[in-house]
N, C-alpha and C. Protein backbone atom coordinates (compact mmCIF):
# COMPACT_ATOMS: atom_id res chain seq x y z
N UNK A 1 43.53 32.28 18.73
CA UNK A 1 44.21 33.56 18.39
C UNK A 1 43.88 34.52 19.22
N UNK A 2 44.65 34.95 20.05
CA UNK A 2 44.36 36.18 20.72
C UNK A 2 43.39 37.34 20.79
N UNK A 3 42.41 37.95 21.20
CA UNK A 3 41.77 38.47 20.70
C UNK A 3 42.81 40.25 21.26
N UNK A 4 42.61 40.92 20.21
CA UNK A 4 43.00 42.53 20.60
C UNK A 4 42.25 42.92 21.54
N UNK A 5 43.26 43.53 22.68
CA UNK A 5 43.01 44.59 23.38
C UNK A 5 42.86 46.04 23.07
N UNK A 6 42.08 46.68 23.85
CA UNK A 6 41.99 48.16 23.58
C UNK A 6 43.16 48.26 23.85
N UNK A 7 43.62 48.56 24.50
CA UNK A 7 45.30 49.40 24.33
C UNK A 7 46.11 48.58 23.05
N UNK A 8 46.21 47.63 22.74
CA UNK A 8 46.86 46.94 21.85
C UNK A 8 46.27 48.10 20.23
N UNK A 9 44.85 48.24 20.12
CA UNK A 9 44.53 48.25 19.41
C UNK A 9 44.70 49.99 18.95
N UNK A 10 45.19 51.18 19.96
CA UNK A 10 44.99 52.36 19.91
C UNK A 10 46.57 52.46 20.16
N UNK A 11 47.53 51.83 20.44
CA UNK A 11 48.74 51.67 20.37
C UNK A 11 49.43 51.66 18.94
N UNK A 12 48.66 51.24 17.97
CA UNK A 12 48.48 51.40 16.36
C UNK A 12 48.45 52.47 15.80
N UNK A 13 47.92 53.11 16.88
CA UNK A 13 47.86 55.29 16.20
C UNK A 13 48.82 55.61 16.75
N UNK A 14 49.06 55.65 17.78
CA UNK A 14 49.94 56.42 18.67
C UNK A 14 51.13 56.03 19.15
N UNK A 15 51.58 54.42 18.90
CA UNK A 15 52.56 54.27 18.87
C UNK A 15 52.94 54.44 20.67
N UNK A 16 54.30 54.43 20.79
CA UNK A 16 54.65 54.40 22.42
C UNK A 16 54.28 55.24 23.57
N UNK A 17 53.69 56.50 22.70
CA UNK A 17 53.27 57.92 23.71
C UNK A 17 52.31 57.52 24.38
N UNK A 18 52.54 58.36 25.76
CA UNK A 18 51.60 57.83 26.86
C UNK A 18 50.42 57.75 26.60
N UNK A 19 49.59 57.04 27.15
CA UNK A 19 48.26 56.85 26.94
C UNK A 19 47.64 57.16 28.70
N UNK A 20 46.38 57.82 28.64
CA UNK A 20 45.72 57.30 30.04
C UNK A 20 44.66 56.66 29.86
N UNK A 21 44.84 55.80 30.69
CA UNK A 21 43.39 54.51 30.94
C UNK A 21 43.16 54.21 32.63
N UNK A 22 42.06 53.71 32.73
CA UNK A 22 41.42 53.14 33.94
C UNK A 22 42.04 52.00 34.06
N UNK A 23 42.39 51.00 35.07
CA UNK A 23 42.58 50.11 35.86
C UNK A 23 42.38 49.69 37.27
N UNK A 24 42.45 48.44 37.43
CA UNK A 24 42.49 47.83 38.96
C UNK A 24 43.93 47.40 39.33
N UNK A 25 43.95 47.51 40.96
CA UNK A 25 44.58 46.74 41.42
C UNK A 25 43.97 45.98 42.74
N UNK A 26 44.27 44.55 42.55
CA UNK A 26 43.36 43.93 43.36
C UNK A 26 44.02 43.31 44.76
N UNK A 27 43.83 43.45 46.22
CA UNK A 27 44.25 42.95 46.97
C UNK A 27 43.39 41.74 47.60
N UNK A 28 44.01 40.24 47.16
CA UNK A 28 43.49 39.33 47.34
C UNK A 28 43.61 38.60 48.78
N UNK A 29 43.55 38.28 49.66
CA UNK A 29 43.54 37.81 50.70
C UNK A 29 43.22 36.16 51.00
N UNK A 30 44.00 35.26 51.68
CA UNK A 30 43.97 34.16 51.57
C UNK A 30 43.23 33.71 53.14
N UNK A 31 42.89 32.98 53.46
CA UNK A 31 42.41 32.55 54.99
C UNK A 31 43.20 32.63 56.28
N UNK A 32 44.71 32.86 55.52
CA UNK A 32 45.66 33.11 56.83
C UNK A 32 46.01 34.69 56.86
N UNK A 33 45.42 35.61 56.06
CA UNK A 33 45.25 36.89 56.04
C UNK A 33 46.67 37.34 55.28
N UNK A 34 47.45 36.48 54.18
CA UNK A 34 48.22 36.95 53.15
C UNK A 34 47.68 37.29 52.12
N UNK A 35 48.60 38.40 51.58
CA UNK A 35 48.36 38.41 50.26
C UNK A 35 49.13 37.96 49.59
N UNK A 36 48.25 38.24 47.87
CA UNK A 36 48.30 37.77 46.83
C UNK A 36 49.39 38.20 46.47
N UNK A 37 50.48 38.24 45.64
CA UNK A 37 51.58 39.10 44.55
C UNK A 37 51.88 38.40 43.61
N UNK A 38 52.27 39.48 42.45
CA UNK A 38 52.27 38.45 41.32
C UNK A 38 54.26 38.83 41.39
N UNK A 39 54.82 37.93 41.01
CA UNK A 39 56.02 38.59 40.53
C UNK A 39 56.01 38.63 38.78
N UNK A 40 56.10 40.31 38.33
CA UNK A 40 55.60 40.63 37.37
C UNK A 40 56.59 39.89 35.85
N UNK A 41 56.31 39.77 34.76
CA UNK A 41 57.48 39.18 33.40
C UNK A 41 58.03 40.52 33.35
N UNK A 42 57.56 41.75 32.97
CA UNK A 42 57.67 42.69 32.26
C UNK A 42 58.85 43.35 32.84
N UNK A 43 58.45 43.75 34.00
CA UNK A 43 59.53 44.30 35.03
C UNK A 43 60.03 43.86 36.31
N UNK A 44 60.17 42.28 36.38
CA UNK A 44 60.43 41.60 36.96
C UNK A 44 60.31 42.04 38.25
N UNK A 45 59.66 42.98 38.81
CA UNK A 45 59.52 42.87 40.04
C UNK A 45 57.85 42.32 40.66
N UNK A 46 57.69 42.67 41.89
CA UNK A 46 56.27 42.29 42.62
C UNK A 46 55.40 43.45 42.44
N UNK A 47 53.86 42.59 42.69
CA UNK A 47 53.11 43.92 42.31
C UNK A 47 51.72 42.77 42.51
N UNK A 48 50.56 43.60 43.01
CA UNK A 48 49.10 43.08 42.73
C UNK A 48 48.65 42.56 41.92
N UNK A 49 47.70 41.88 41.68
CA UNK A 49 47.34 41.77 40.49
C UNK A 49 46.20 42.79 40.08
N UNK A 50 46.10 42.59 38.57
CA UNK A 50 45.16 43.64 38.30
C UNK A 50 45.62 44.27 36.74
N UNK A 51 44.50 45.21 36.40
CA UNK A 51 44.91 45.36 35.08
C UNK A 51 43.90 46.69 34.16
N UNK A 52 44.05 46.85 33.00
CA UNK A 52 43.53 47.91 32.20
C UNK A 52 41.66 47.29 31.86
N UNK A 53 41.15 48.38 31.99
CA UNK A 53 39.49 48.57 31.37
C UNK A 53 39.62 48.17 29.93
N UNK A 54 39.00 46.87 29.52
CA UNK A 54 38.71 47.09 28.00
C UNK A 54 37.12 48.15 27.78
N UNK A 55 36.66 48.39 27.06
CA UNK A 55 35.61 49.49 26.08
C UNK A 55 34.85 48.38 26.92
N UNK A 56 33.67 49.47 27.75
CA UNK A 56 32.04 48.58 27.36
C UNK A 56 32.36 48.16 29.27
N UNK A 57 33.56 48.09 29.94
CA UNK A 57 33.89 47.10 31.02
C UNK A 57 33.85 48.02 32.36
N UNK A 58 32.82 47.80 33.65
CA UNK A 58 32.86 48.17 34.62
C UNK A 58 34.37 47.57 35.42
N UNK A 59 34.35 48.19 36.38
CA UNK A 59 35.43 47.97 37.44
C UNK A 59 35.42 46.91 37.83
N UNK A 60 34.04 46.62 38.30
CA UNK A 60 34.27 44.77 38.86
C UNK A 60 34.36 43.84 38.10
N UNK A 61 33.81 44.44 36.59
CA UNK A 61 34.07 43.47 35.48
C UNK A 61 35.51 43.18 35.13
N UNK A 62 36.18 43.94 35.25
CA UNK A 62 37.51 44.17 34.83
C UNK A 62 38.21 43.45 35.79
N UNK A 63 37.93 43.78 37.28
CA UNK A 63 38.29 42.90 38.19
C UNK A 63 38.67 41.71 38.34
N UNK A 64 36.78 40.83 37.54
CA UNK A 64 37.05 39.72 37.78
C UNK A 64 37.77 39.37 36.59
N UNK A 65 37.75 39.75 35.45
CA UNK A 65 38.63 39.07 34.52
C UNK A 65 40.27 39.17 34.74
N UNK A 66 40.31 40.06 35.31
CA UNK A 66 42.23 40.14 35.62
C UNK A 66 42.14 39.06 36.19
N UNK A 67 41.38 38.82 37.46
CA UNK A 67 41.82 37.94 38.28
C UNK A 67 41.61 36.52 37.78
N UNK A 68 40.84 36.49 37.07
CA UNK A 68 40.87 35.17 36.32
C UNK A 68 41.86 34.54 35.65
N UNK A 69 42.26 35.76 34.47
CA UNK A 69 43.42 35.71 33.39
C UNK A 69 44.85 35.34 34.32
N UNK A 70 45.20 36.13 35.70
CA UNK A 70 46.58 36.16 36.28
C UNK A 70 46.77 35.14 37.08
N UNK A 71 45.41 34.74 37.24
CA UNK A 71 45.82 33.94 38.66
C UNK A 71 45.01 32.48 38.96
N UNK A 72 43.85 32.49 37.61
CA UNK A 72 43.11 31.22 37.62
C UNK A 72 41.98 31.25 38.75
N UNK A 73 42.05 32.44 39.98
CA UNK A 73 40.84 32.58 40.70
C UNK A 73 39.96 33.17 40.39
N UNK A 74 38.52 32.84 41.16
CA UNK A 74 37.44 33.91 40.35
C UNK A 74 36.66 34.48 41.75
N UNK A 75 35.92 35.61 41.50
CA UNK A 75 36.14 36.26 42.94
C UNK A 75 34.74 35.83 43.22
N UNK A 76 34.47 36.23 44.43
CA UNK A 76 32.79 36.05 44.54
C UNK A 76 32.07 37.75 45.65
N UNK A 77 33.23 38.06 45.73
CA UNK A 77 33.11 39.68 46.27
C UNK A 77 34.06 40.75 46.06
N UNK A 78 33.45 41.98 45.82
CA UNK A 78 34.74 42.83 45.79
C UNK A 78 34.23 43.98 46.46
N UNK A 79 35.22 45.09 47.42
CA UNK A 79 34.94 46.01 47.83
C UNK A 79 36.49 47.34 47.70
N UNK A 80 35.55 47.86 46.66
CA UNK A 80 36.20 49.59 46.30
C UNK A 80 37.10 50.05 47.68
N UNK A 81 38.58 49.86 47.63
CA UNK A 81 39.18 50.98 49.18
C UNK A 81 39.72 52.56 48.57
N UNK A 82 39.74 52.68 47.68
CA UNK A 82 40.41 53.47 47.19
C UNK A 82 41.07 54.08 45.76
N UNK A 83 41.45 55.50 44.97
CA UNK A 83 41.55 55.88 43.78
C UNK A 83 42.99 56.18 43.50
N UNK A 84 43.62 55.81 42.85
CA UNK A 84 44.96 56.50 42.65
C UNK A 84 45.33 57.21 41.30
N UNK A 85 45.60 58.20 40.92
CA UNK A 85 45.67 59.08 40.05
C UNK A 85 46.80 60.02 39.76
N UNK A 86 47.11 60.70 38.62
CA UNK A 86 48.30 61.56 38.36
C UNK A 86 49.33 61.07 38.09
N UNK A 87 50.54 61.72 38.26
CA UNK A 87 51.45 61.48 38.12
C UNK A 87 52.54 60.26 38.75
N UNK A 88 52.64 60.15 39.43
CA UNK A 88 52.64 58.45 39.95
C UNK A 88 52.70 57.26 39.58
N UNK A 89 50.92 57.32 38.64
CA UNK A 89 50.69 56.25 38.00
C UNK A 89 51.67 55.84 36.95
N UNK A 90 52.13 56.64 36.50
CA UNK A 90 52.94 56.87 35.26
C UNK A 90 54.04 55.70 35.22
N UNK A 91 54.13 54.83 34.16
CA UNK A 91 54.77 53.18 33.62
C UNK A 91 55.18 53.76 32.57
N UNK A 92 56.75 53.22 32.41
CA UNK A 92 57.20 53.07 31.26
C UNK A 92 57.21 52.01 31.07
N UNK A 93 56.80 51.07 29.93
CA UNK A 93 57.21 49.45 29.91
C UNK A 93 58.59 49.32 29.32
N UNK A 94 59.54 47.88 29.25
CA UNK A 94 60.52 47.78 28.80
C UNK A 94 60.29 47.65 26.84
N UNK A 95 59.01 48.02 26.64
CA UNK A 95 58.95 47.93 25.12
C UNK A 95 58.94 49.15 24.72
N UNK A 96 58.67 50.17 25.84
CA UNK A 96 58.58 51.66 25.18
C UNK A 96 57.47 52.33 25.55
N UNK A 97 56.33 51.30 25.43
CA UNK A 97 55.07 51.52 25.76
C UNK A 97 54.75 52.79 27.09
N UNK A 98 54.31 53.73 27.57
CA UNK A 98 54.26 54.67 28.19
C UNK A 98 52.48 54.66 28.72
N UNK A 99 52.47 54.71 29.93
CA UNK A 99 50.67 54.93 30.37
C UNK A 99 50.82 55.31 31.71
N UNK A 100 49.76 56.13 31.73
CA UNK A 100 49.50 56.41 33.20
C UNK A 100 47.93 55.91 33.08
N UNK A 101 47.97 55.16 34.24
CA UNK A 101 45.84 54.50 34.73
C UNK A 101 45.78 54.90 36.01
N UNK A 102 44.62 55.62 35.99
CA UNK A 102 43.42 55.81 36.75
C UNK A 102 43.22 54.25 37.44
N UNK A 103 43.91 54.19 38.59
CA UNK A 103 43.80 52.24 39.63
C UNK A 103 43.00 52.66 40.30
N UNK A 104 41.86 51.76 40.42
CA UNK A 104 41.06 51.56 41.65
C UNK A 104 41.30 50.39 42.79
N UNK A 105 42.04 50.57 43.40
CA UNK A 105 42.14 49.65 44.56
C UNK A 105 41.10 48.86 45.58
N UNK A 106 41.24 47.92 45.28
CA UNK A 106 39.82 46.72 45.61
C UNK A 106 40.26 45.43 46.48
N UNK A 107 39.85 45.43 47.46
CA UNK A 107 39.74 44.13 48.07
C UNK A 107 39.04 42.93 48.14
N UNK A 108 39.46 41.77 47.80
CA UNK A 108 38.65 40.37 47.63
C UNK A 108 39.38 39.86 48.73
N UNK A 109 38.27 38.86 49.14
CA UNK A 109 38.67 38.10 50.34
C UNK A 109 37.46 36.66 50.12
N UNK A 110 37.44 36.77 49.49
CA UNK A 110 35.66 35.45 48.73
C UNK A 110 36.12 35.43 47.51
N UNK A 111 36.58 34.42 47.39
CA UNK A 111 36.87 34.08 46.15
C UNK A 111 36.93 32.30 45.60
N UNK A 112 37.02 31.32 44.71
CA UNK A 112 37.38 30.13 44.60
C UNK A 112 38.05 29.99 43.14
N UNK A 113 38.57 28.86 42.95
CA UNK A 113 39.11 28.18 42.30
C UNK A 113 40.86 27.90 42.81
N UNK A 114 41.56 27.28 42.00
CA UNK A 114 42.97 27.09 41.76
C UNK A 114 43.59 27.92 41.57
N UNK A 115 44.76 28.28 42.47
CA UNK A 115 45.56 29.08 42.02
C UNK A 115 47.00 28.86 41.16
N UNK A 116 46.98 29.62 40.09
CA UNK A 116 47.60 29.32 39.21
C UNK A 116 47.97 30.54 37.88
N UNK A 117 49.19 30.23 37.68
CA UNK A 117 49.19 31.63 36.44
C UNK A 117 48.54 30.65 35.04
N UNK A 118 47.90 31.80 34.97
CA UNK A 118 47.58 31.63 33.30
C UNK A 118 47.49 32.49 32.28
N UNK A 119 48.27 32.97 32.21
CA UNK A 119 49.21 34.29 30.98
C UNK A 119 50.67 34.36 31.07
N UNK A 120 51.10 35.25 30.18
CA UNK A 120 52.84 35.09 30.13
C UNK A 120 53.04 36.57 31.17
N UNK A 121 51.98 36.77 32.01
CA UNK A 121 52.79 38.33 33.19
C UNK A 121 52.70 38.23 33.86
N UNK A 122 52.97 37.05 34.08
CA UNK A 122 53.52 36.36 35.82
C UNK A 122 54.46 35.30 35.66
N UNK A 123 55.52 35.85 36.34
CA UNK A 123 56.77 34.52 36.42
C UNK A 123 56.10 33.75 37.64
N UNK A 124 55.39 34.32 38.41
CA UNK A 124 55.05 33.50 39.69
C UNK A 124 54.00 34.31 40.45
N UNK A 125 53.13 33.56 41.24
CA UNK A 125 52.32 33.90 42.30
C UNK A 125 52.65 33.06 43.67
N UNK A 126 52.31 34.17 44.43
CA UNK A 126 53.12 34.06 45.88
C UNK A 126 51.89 34.67 46.99
N UNK A 127 51.65 33.96 48.14
CA UNK A 127 50.89 34.51 48.86
C UNK A 127 51.76 34.92 50.19
N UNK A 128 51.84 36.00 50.42
CA UNK A 128 53.18 36.63 51.53
C UNK A 128 52.36 37.28 52.30
N UNK A 129 53.02 37.04 53.66
CA UNK A 129 52.38 37.86 55.01
C UNK A 129 52.33 38.97 54.98
N UNK A 130 51.57 40.12 55.08
CA UNK A 130 50.96 41.43 54.91
C UNK A 130 52.57 42.12 55.61
N UNK A 131 53.25 42.05 56.66
CA UNK A 131 54.19 42.49 57.22
C UNK A 131 55.42 42.13 56.53
N UNK A 132 55.49 41.64 55.65
CA UNK A 132 56.60 40.86 54.83
C UNK A 132 56.28 41.45 53.57
N UNK A 133 56.10 42.44 53.15
CA UNK A 133 55.79 42.73 51.45
C UNK A 133 57.33 42.34 50.91
N UNK A 134 57.34 42.27 49.78
CA UNK A 134 59.13 42.41 48.98
C UNK A 134 59.12 43.66 49.14
N UNK A 135 60.85 43.87 49.21
CA UNK A 135 61.11 45.08 48.32
C UNK A 135 61.14 45.33 46.94
N UNK A 136 61.42 44.09 46.17
CA UNK A 136 61.31 44.51 44.73
C UNK A 136 60.22 44.81 43.98
N UNK A 137 59.48 45.63 44.65
CA UNK A 137 57.97 45.98 44.26
C UNK A 137 58.13 46.99 42.85
N UNK A 138 56.87 46.79 41.91
CA UNK A 138 56.84 47.57 40.89
C UNK A 138 56.88 48.76 41.47
N UNK A 139 57.28 49.67 40.07
CA UNK A 139 57.97 51.36 40.36
C UNK A 139 56.44 52.03 40.80
N UNK A 140 55.13 51.86 39.85
CA UNK A 140 54.08 52.54 40.80
C UNK A 140 53.37 51.98 41.80
N UNK A 141 53.53 50.54 42.54
CA UNK A 141 53.51 50.19 43.49
C UNK A 141 54.73 50.71 44.63
N UNK A 142 55.82 51.28 43.98
CA UNK A 142 56.65 51.56 45.31
C UNK A 142 55.88 52.99 45.74
N UNK A 143 55.50 53.77 44.33
CA UNK A 143 54.99 55.24 44.39
C UNK A 143 53.94 55.46 45.69
N UNK A 144 52.93 53.88 45.49
CA UNK A 144 52.03 54.17 46.64
C UNK A 144 51.92 53.05 47.64
N UNK A 145 53.00 52.52 48.25
CA UNK A 145 53.47 52.03 49.12
C UNK A 145 52.52 52.18 50.12
N UNK A 146 52.86 53.60 50.72
CA UNK A 146 52.24 53.89 52.27
C UNK A 146 51.08 54.08 52.43
N UNK A 147 49.99 54.36 50.81
CA UNK A 147 49.02 55.01 50.82
C UNK A 147 48.52 53.21 50.56
N UNK A 148 49.20 52.35 49.88
CA UNK A 148 48.56 50.87 50.27
C UNK A 148 48.15 50.48 51.09
N UNK A 149 49.03 50.52 52.21
CA UNK A 149 49.63 49.80 53.73
C UNK A 149 48.08 50.29 54.43
N UNK A 150 47.77 51.68 54.03
CA UNK A 150 46.63 51.87 55.26
C UNK A 150 45.70 51.00 54.44
N UNK A 151 45.37 50.56 53.81
CA UNK A 151 44.63 49.67 53.41
C UNK A 151 44.65 48.19 53.68
N UNK A 152 45.78 47.91 53.73
CA UNK A 152 46.22 46.42 54.06
C UNK A 152 45.77 46.01 55.46
N UNK A 153 44.85 45.05 55.87
CA UNK A 153 45.12 44.86 56.96
C UNK A 153 45.55 43.42 57.57
């Protein structure tokens, strides 16, 4: 049985109302300088791996956990690049849940493991040339794409 996460437990009390949480966005690069993207199951759009923190979890721990859960990769290092917050981080999920996420953008260049989808959050994982990011980006990523591009090397 899957362990209930923090957001799921809070939703029992607040329903679909907007919540404020913290999370990570992961810019993962391969040796060809391509960036890892996931086709999300919920929005049917492309995004970077990542997710929200659990109780008592650091940004680095959440990044490590999310990378493993979503891609089967294990990070060996991490570099914090930027922080995103405010109105542009708002997401309304297809099930009606609303969320604002203070997101820490992280760069991962050293990792190990075999890339594969490990959960139901992704339809597809792909290494994409950094100058050819897809047009079908998630709503929040669209809001911040210019700022994110400043960090893509």
